């Protein structure tokens, strides 16, 4: 089966005790049936081998790098070895694996920034495990932005988007407590998020005139100040600036009426004010096939929209659909970027 791709995607292991290895193995076994783009797995081959036996899967592994992964992909799962750091038991996270998890992400980003890979697809990490090891970032998104900034020497503002068949949704504030959202929300942050979103929807998703529906923060978008001033004093002024720049942003809209079928026909992406305001509707409308996409990076990055699911790791019941969607979307974005250059 000759590959149509000259460069692979790079798929990170994620937390090796989670379902990342499970869904990777299952996805590879279905590669022909699903028409998957070639990917290079960055992680511990022993973890894959043990998990394959546990799941009753026959998956040949082949040591590879970005240069030969596409050629290997048809007959074996290409692996760039990064040791886990300890013997891994499915469902039992261990702090000793944190260094390998981080190294796999760093390697994948480096390969993508250097042009050796089409983009990065990340399996789920367990932030609590990484925090115990001294990880200094709120989450995956912020770490990727830091790596990109260090590699390019330029500031990077990451924008997290959940993209599914029925909804694209973006939280302006991400991994912070709900009580801290009003203080973190600024006119400048909303404007920056929407500018990056509009630009990347054009260049990466091929939407020439993206429509941005902007949610309010408070119930009923503040009810003319009766339920909070943030909507009138922060969100509305940001929208005015964006519209003056030619960006089709509108709102602030009451969040409780933004996500039904007819409402979603009016926009290409929902700009939400905090994590759960975006992720609850996104996951409710497409839990198995939504993809976490990071906009604003100098490389393509997608990820399944679920976590490590330690409770089902190694049991053969983890669903691979979101990973499959992540791989396909990363390849599609790469093609769109290439066609618009």
Protein backbone atom coordinates (compact mmCIF):
# COMPACT_ATOMS: atom_id res chain seq x y z
CA UNK A 1 0.00 0.00 0.00
CA UNK A 2 2.09 2.99 -1.18
CA UNK A 3 1.70 6.16 0.86
CA UNK A 4 0.32 9.38 -0.61
CA UNK A 5 2.23 11.29 2.06
CA UNK A 6 5.90 12.26 2.00
CA UNK A 7 5.94 13.22 5.69
CA UNK A 8 4.17 11.60 8.62
CA UNK A 9 2.16 13.03 11.45
CA UNK A 10 3.80 12.58 14.84
CA UNK A 11 1.66 10.92 17.51
CA UNK A 12 2.79 11.23 21.12
CA UNK A 13 2.30 8.46 23.66
CA UNK A 14 0.54 10.59 26.28
CA UNK A 15 0.43 9.03 29.73
CA UNK A 16 1.56 5.45 29.08
CA UNK A 17 -0.75 4.03 31.77
CA UNK A 18 -3.78 5.57 30.10
CA UNK A 19 -5.67 4.63 26.97
CA UNK A 20 -3.27 6.37 24.57
CA UNK A 21 -1.45 3.12 23.73
CA UNK A 22 -4.77 1.26 23.41
CA UNK A 23 -6.36 3.62 20.91
CA UNK A 24 -3.10 3.99 18.99
CA UNK A 25 -2.85 0.25 18.46
CA UNK A 26 -6.49 -0.14 17.47
CA UNK A 27 -6.30 2.82 15.09
CA UNK A 28 -3.25 1.34 13.35
CA UNK A 29 -4.98 -2.03 12.89
CA UNK A 30 -7.82 -0.16 11.12
CA UNK A 31 -5.53 2.08 9.06
CA UNK A 32 -6.55 0.72 5.65
CA UNK A 33 -10.24 0.53 6.44
CA UNK A 34 -10.27 4.09 7.76
CA UNK A 35 -7.81 5.57 5.28
CA UNK A 36 -5.57 6.93 8.02
CA UNK A 37 -2.62 9.18 7.20
CA UNK A 38 0.76 7.71 8.19
CA UNK A 39 1.92 8.56 11.68
CA UNK A 40 5.10 8.08 13.66
CA UNK A 41 4.48 7.06 17.27
CA UNK A 42 6.81 8.73 19.78
CA UNK A 43 6.95 6.72 22.97
CA UNK A 44 8.05 3.47 24.55
CA UNK A 45 7.82 0.46 22.20
CA UNK A 46 7.74 -1.91 25.17
CA UNK A 47 4.56 -0.22 26.42
CA UNK A 48 2.98 -0.82 23.02
CA UNK A 49 4.14 -4.42 22.87
CA UNK A 50 2.80 -5.26 26.34
CA UNK A 51 -0.48 -3.48 25.72
CA UNK A 52 -0.96 -5.20 22.36
CA UNK A 53 -0.60 -8.60 24.04
CA UNK A 54 -3.01 -7.50 26.75
CA UNK A 55 -5.57 -6.46 24.16
CA UNK A 56 -5.04 -9.52 21.98
CA UNK A 57 -3.82 -7.48 19.02
CA UNK A 58 -1.13 -8.40 16.51
CA UNK A 59 0.74 -5.18 15.77
CA UNK A 60 4.29 -5.38 14.37
CA UNK A 61 6.45 -2.51 15.60
CA UNK A 62 9.33 -1.01 13.65
CA UNK A 63 11.99 1.38 14.88
CA UNK A 64 11.73 4.46 12.68
CA UNK A 65 12.14 8.20 12.36
CA UNK A 66 10.30 10.88 10.42
CA UNK A 67 12.25 10.12 7.24
CA UNK A 68 11.13 6.49 6.89
CA UNK A 69 7.87 6.34 8.88
CA UNK A 70 5.62 6.70 5.83
CA UNK A 71 7.28 3.77 4.09
CA UNK A 72 7.02 1.60 7.21
CA UNK A 73 3.43 2.50 8.09
CA UNK A 74 1.72 0.10 5.71
CA UNK A 75 3.24 -3.01 7.26
CA UNK A 76 4.28 -1.98 10.79
CA UNK A 77 3.61 0.71 13.36
CA UNK A 78 6.64 3.01 13.16
CA UNK A 79 8.00 3.97 16.59
CA UNK A 80 10.56 6.57 17.61
CA UNK A 81 11.61 5.25 20.99
CA UNK A 82 11.32 7.41 24.09
CA UNK A 83 11.53 5.27 27.25
CA UNK A 84 8.67 5.51 29.72
CA UNK A 85 11.12 5.44 32.62
CA UNK A 86 9.52 2.59 34.56
CA UNK A 87 7.60 -0.63 33.91
CA UNK A 88 4.11 0.55 33.03
CA UNK A 89 0.92 -1.11 34.25
CA UNK A 90 -2.26 -0.16 32.42
CA UNK A 91 -4.47 1.95 34.64
CA UNK A 92 -1.77 2.67 37.22
CA UNK A 93 -0.14 6.07 36.60
CA UNK A 94 3.35 6.62 37.96
CA UNK A 95 5.26 9.86 38.44
CA UNK A 96 8.42 8.23 37.03
CA UNK A 97 6.83 8.29 33.55
CA UNK A 98 6.49 12.09 33.54
CA UNK A 99 9.90 12.74 32.04
CA UNK A 100 9.23 10.40 29.12
CA UNK A 101 5.79 11.91 28.54
CA UNK A 102 7.28 15.40 28.36
CA UNK A 103 10.18 14.26 26.17
CA UNK A 104 7.78 12.71 23.67
CA UNK A 105 5.92 16.01 23.33
CA UNK A 106 9.16 17.95 22.93
CA UNK A 107 10.36 15.54 20.25
CA UNK A 108 7.10 15.74 18.31
CA UNK A 109 7.11 19.54 18.37
CA UNK A 110 10.72 19.68 17.24
CA UNK A 111 10.04 17.38 14.29
CA UNK A 112 7.08 19.49 13.23
CA UNK A 113 8.75 22.88 13.60
CA UNK A 114 11.76 21.58 11.65
CA UNK A 115 9.48 20.51 8.81
CA UNK A 116 10.18 16.80 9.18
CA UNK A 117 6.58 16.03 10.12
CA UNK A 118 3.20 17.35 8.97
CA UNK A 119 2.04 18.09 12.49
CA UNK A 120 1.57 16.86 16.05
CA UNK A 121 -1.24 14.67 17.38
CA UNK A 122 -1.10 14.24 21.14
CA UNK A 123 -2.52 11.40 23.16
CA UNK A 124 -4.00 12.40 26.54
CA UNK A 125 -1.74 13.29 29.46
CA UNK A 126 -2.51 13.21 33.17
CA UNK A 127 -1.75 16.70 34.45
CA UNK A 128 -1.76 15.55 38.07
CA UNK A 129 1.08 13.11 37.33
CA UNK A 130 3.09 15.81 35.57
CA UNK A 131 2.44 18.34 38.36
CA UNK A 132 3.83 15.85 40.88
CA UNK A 133 7.01 15.78 38.80
CA UNK A 134 7.29 19.58 38.77
CA UNK A 135 5.58 20.33 35.44
CA UNK A 136 5.13 24.11 35.39
CA UNK A 137 2.24 24.55 32.93
CA UNK A 138 -1.54 24.44 33.44
CA UNK A 139 -1.94 21.96 30.59
CA UNK A 140 -0.90 20.61 27.22
CA UNK A 141 -1.92 23.74 25.33
CA UNK A 142 0.22 26.11 27.36
CA UNK A 143 3.24 23.79 27.21
CA UNK A 144 3.01 23.56 23.42
CA UNK A 145 2.87 27.34 23.17
CA UNK A 146 5.99 27.65 25.34
CA UNK A 147 7.86 25.13 23.18
CA UNK A 148 6.83 27.02 20.05
CA UNK A 149 7.90 30.35 21.52
CA UNK A 150 11.29 29.00 22.55
CA UNK A 151 11.85 27.44 19.13
CA UNK A 152 10.86 30.51 17.13
CA UNK A 153 11.93 33.30 19.48
CA UNK A 154 8.49 34.90 19.13
CA UNK A 155 5.59 35.16 21.59
CA UNK A 156 2.84 32.61 20.92
CA UNK A 157 -0.77 32.91 22.03
CA UNK A 158 -2.44 29.49 21.92
CA UNK A 159 -6.15 29.19 21.26
CA UNK A 160 -7.87 25.94 22.21
CA UNK A 161 -10.69 24.86 19.91
CA UNK A 162 -12.95 21.82 20.18
CA UNK A 163 -13.98 20.88 16.65
CA UNK A 164 -16.69 18.35 15.93
CA UNK A 165 -19.16 17.59 13.15
CA UNK A 166 -21.81 19.82 14.77
CA UNK A 167 -19.87 22.52 16.61
CA UNK A 168 -16.58 24.37 16.87
CA UNK A 169 -16.15 26.02 20.27
CA UNK A 170 -13.33 28.04 21.83
CA UNK A 171 -12.85 29.01 25.48
CA UNK A 172 -11.19 32.43 25.88
CA UNK A 173 -9.92 31.46 29.34
CA UNK A 174 -8.84 27.86 29.71
CA UNK A 175 -7.34 26.02 32.67
CA UNK A 176 -8.17 28.35 35.53
CA UNK A 177 -10.72 28.13 38.37
CA UNK A 178 -14.15 29.50 37.59
CA UNK A 179 -13.82 32.11 40.35
CA UNK A 180 -10.79 33.60 38.54
CA UNK A 181 -12.46 33.98 35.14
CA UNK A 182 -13.92 37.51 35.58
CA UNK A 183 -10.51 38.91 36.54
CA UNK A 184 -8.74 37.08 33.70
CA UNK A 185 -11.24 38.20 31.07
CA UNK A 186 -10.10 41.37 29.31
CA UNK A 187 -10.97 43.25 26.14
CA UNK A 188 -7.46 42.57 24.85
CA UNK A 189 -7.66 38.81 25.50
CA UNK A 190 -10.98 38.48 23.71
CA UNK A 191 -9.70 40.48 20.74
CA UNK A 192 -6.49 38.45 20.50
CA UNK A 193 -8.40 35.15 20.71
CA UNK A 194 -10.84 36.17 18.00
CA UNK A 195 -8.14 37.52 15.69
CA UNK A 196 -6.21 34.24 15.88
CA UNK A 197 -9.41 32.26 15.43
CA UNK A 198 -10.52 34.19 12.37
CA UNK A 199 -7.07 33.96 10.78
CA UNK A 200 -6.70 30.22 11.36
CA UNK A 201 -10.23 29.41 10.22
CA UNK A 202 -9.26 31.05 6.94
CA UNK A 203 -5.80 29.54 6.48
CA UNK A 204 -6.30 26.15 8.15
CA UNK A 205 -9.99 25.38 7.59
CA UNK A 206 -10.59 27.18 4.30
CA UNK A 207 -13.42 29.40 5.62
CA UNK A 208 -12.93 32.69 3.81
CA UNK A 209 -15.34 34.77 5.92
CA UNK A 210 -15.60 33.05 9.31
CA UNK A 211 -18.55 33.98 11.53
CA UNK A 212 -17.77 34.21 15.25
CA UNK A 213 -20.64 34.00 17.75
CA UNK A 214 -19.43 35.46 21.04
CA UNK A 215 -21.03 34.22 24.26
CA UNK A 216 -21.76 36.39 27.25
CA UNK A 217 -20.22 35.60 30.60
CA UNK A 218 -23.27 36.04 32.81
CA UNK A 219 -26.79 34.58 32.58
CA UNK A 220 -28.75 36.30 29.79
CA UNK A 221 -25.49 38.02 28.75
CA UNK A 222 -25.76 40.23 31.82
CA UNK A 223 -29.39 41.35 31.35
CA UNK A 224 -28.31 44.95 30.65
CA UNK A 225 -26.09 44.99 33.72
CA UNK A 226 -28.60 43.49 36.13
CA UNK A 227 -26.57 40.26 36.33
CA UNK A 228 -23.04 41.62 35.99
CA UNK A 229 -21.19 44.28 34.05
CA UNK A 230 -18.62 42.11 32.26
CA UNK A 231 -20.78 41.60 29.17
CA UNK A 232 -21.31 45.32 28.59
CA UNK A 233 -17.94 46.57 29.82
CA UNK A 234 -15.56 43.90 28.44
CA UNK A 235 -17.16 41.64 25.85
CA UNK A 236 -19.21 44.19 23.89
CA UNK A 237 -16.29 46.64 23.43
CA UNK A 238 -14.09 43.80 22.18
CA UNK A 239 -16.71 42.86 19.60
CA UNK A 240 -16.89 46.49 18.41
CA UNK A 241 -13.14 46.52 17.79
CA UNK A 242 -13.28 43.21 15.93
CA UNK A 243 -16.13 44.34 13.70
CA UNK A 244 -14.25 47.55 12.90
CA UNK A 245 -11.38 45.35 11.70
CA UNK A 246 -13.70 43.46 9.37
CA UNK A 247 -14.06 40.32 11.51
CA UNK A 248 -17.63 39.01 11.54
CA UNK A 249 -18.03 38.71 15.32
CA UNK A 250 -21.40 39.23 16.98
CA UNK A 251 -22.77 39.14 20.52
CA UNK A 252 -22.52 38.95 23.45
CA UNK A 253 -25.13 36.22 23.25
CA UNK A 254 -26.89 34.39 26.09
CA UNK A 255 -24.98 31.10 26.26
CA UNK A 256 -28.10 29.07 27.04
CA UNK A 257 -29.55 29.74 23.58
CA UNK A 258 -26.39 29.48 21.46
CA UNK A 259 -26.08 25.76 20.90
CA UNK A 260 -29.40 24.42 19.61
CA UNK A 261 -29.64 23.29 15.98
CA UNK A 262 -30.99 26.49 14.42
CA UNK A 263 -28.63 28.76 16.41
CA UNK A 264 -25.54 26.85 15.23
CA UNK A 265 -26.44 27.53 11.59
CA UNK A 266 -25.62 31.22 12.14
CA UNK A 267 -21.93 30.82 12.92
CA UNK A 268 -18.75 28.88 12.20
CA UNK A 269 -17.35 28.96 15.73
CA UNK A 270 -18.63 29.79 19.21
CA UNK A 271 -16.31 32.00 21.27
CA UNK A 272 -16.96 31.18 24.92
CA UNK A 273 -15.70 32.89 28.04
CA UNK A 274 -14.51 29.92 30.08
CA UNK A 275 -13.56 26.26 29.80
CA UNK A 276 -16.84 24.49 30.55
CA UNK A 277 -18.99 27.00 28.67
CA UNK A 278 -17.24 25.76 25.52
CA UNK A 279 -16.45 22.15 26.32
CA UNK A 280 -19.80 21.03 27.72
CA UNK A 281 -21.75 21.71 24.50
CA UNK A 282 -18.84 20.55 22.33
CA UNK A 283 -18.62 17.19 24.08
CA UNK A 284 -22.39 16.79 24.40
CA UNK A 285 -22.76 17.22 20.64
CA UNK A 286 -19.79 15.07 19.60
CA UNK A 287 -18.02 13.25 22.41
CA UNK A 288 -16.65 10.39 20.34
CA UNK A 289 -15.64 12.35 17.25
CA UNK A 290 -14.66 15.83 18.40
CA UNK A 291 -11.06 16.98 18.20
CA UNK A 292 -9.03 19.38 20.31
CA UNK A 293 -7.23 21.74 17.92
CA UNK A 294 -4.69 24.33 19.05
CA UNK A 295 -4.81 27.47 16.93
CA UNK A 296 -2.12 30.13 16.96
CA UNK A 297 0.82 27.72 16.85
CA UNK A 298 3.44 27.65 14.07
CA UNK A 299 2.63 23.96 13.54
CA UNK A 300 -0.49 21.81 13.32
CA UNK A 301 -1.65 20.25 16.57
CA UNK A 302 -4.72 18.13 17.26
CA UNK A 303 -5.70 15.78 20.07
CA UNK A 304 -8.58 13.55 21.14
CA UNK A 305 -11.10 15.47 23.22
CA UNK A 306 -11.02 12.98 26.10
CA UNK A 307 -8.66 12.20 28.96
CA UNK A 308 -6.45 9.30 29.96
CA UNK A 309 -9.36 7.10 31.16
CA UNK A 310 -7.16 5.06 33.49
CA UNK A 311 -10.17 3.02 34.61
CA UNK A 312 -10.55 1.35 31.23
CA UNK A 313 -6.91 1.24 30.05
CA UNK A 314 -5.88 -2.21 28.89
CA UNK A 315 -9.44 -3.57 28.95
CA UNK A 316 -10.16 -3.40 25.23
CA UNK A 317 -13.14 -1.06 25.52
CA UNK A 318 -11.54 2.34 24.84
CA UNK A 319 -12.97 4.00 21.74
CA UNK A 320 -10.52 5.15 19.10
CA UNK A 321 -12.92 7.44 17.19
CA UNK A 322 -11.64 10.74 18.59
CA UNK A 323 -8.02 9.79 17.89
CA UNK A 324 -8.97 8.75 14.36
CA UNK A 325 -10.75 12.08 13.88
CA UNK A 326 -7.68 13.89 15.27
CA UNK A 327 -5.34 12.18 12.81
CA UNK A 328 -7.62 12.85 9.85
CA UNK A 329 -8.18 16.48 10.79
CA UNK A 330 -4.45 17.12 11.28
CA UNK A 331 -3.80 15.77 7.79
CA UNK A 332 -6.68 17.79 6.34
CA UNK A 333 -5.42 21.01 7.96
CA UNK A 334 -1.94 20.33 6.59
CA UNK A 335 -3.37 19.90 3.10
CA UNK A 336 -5.39 23.13 3.40
CA UNK A 337 -2.34 25.08 4.55
CA UNK A 338 -0.34 23.70 1.65
CA UNK A 339 -3.04 24.53 -0.91
CA UNK A 340 -3.30 28.16 0.25
CA UNK A 341 0.43 28.94 0.07
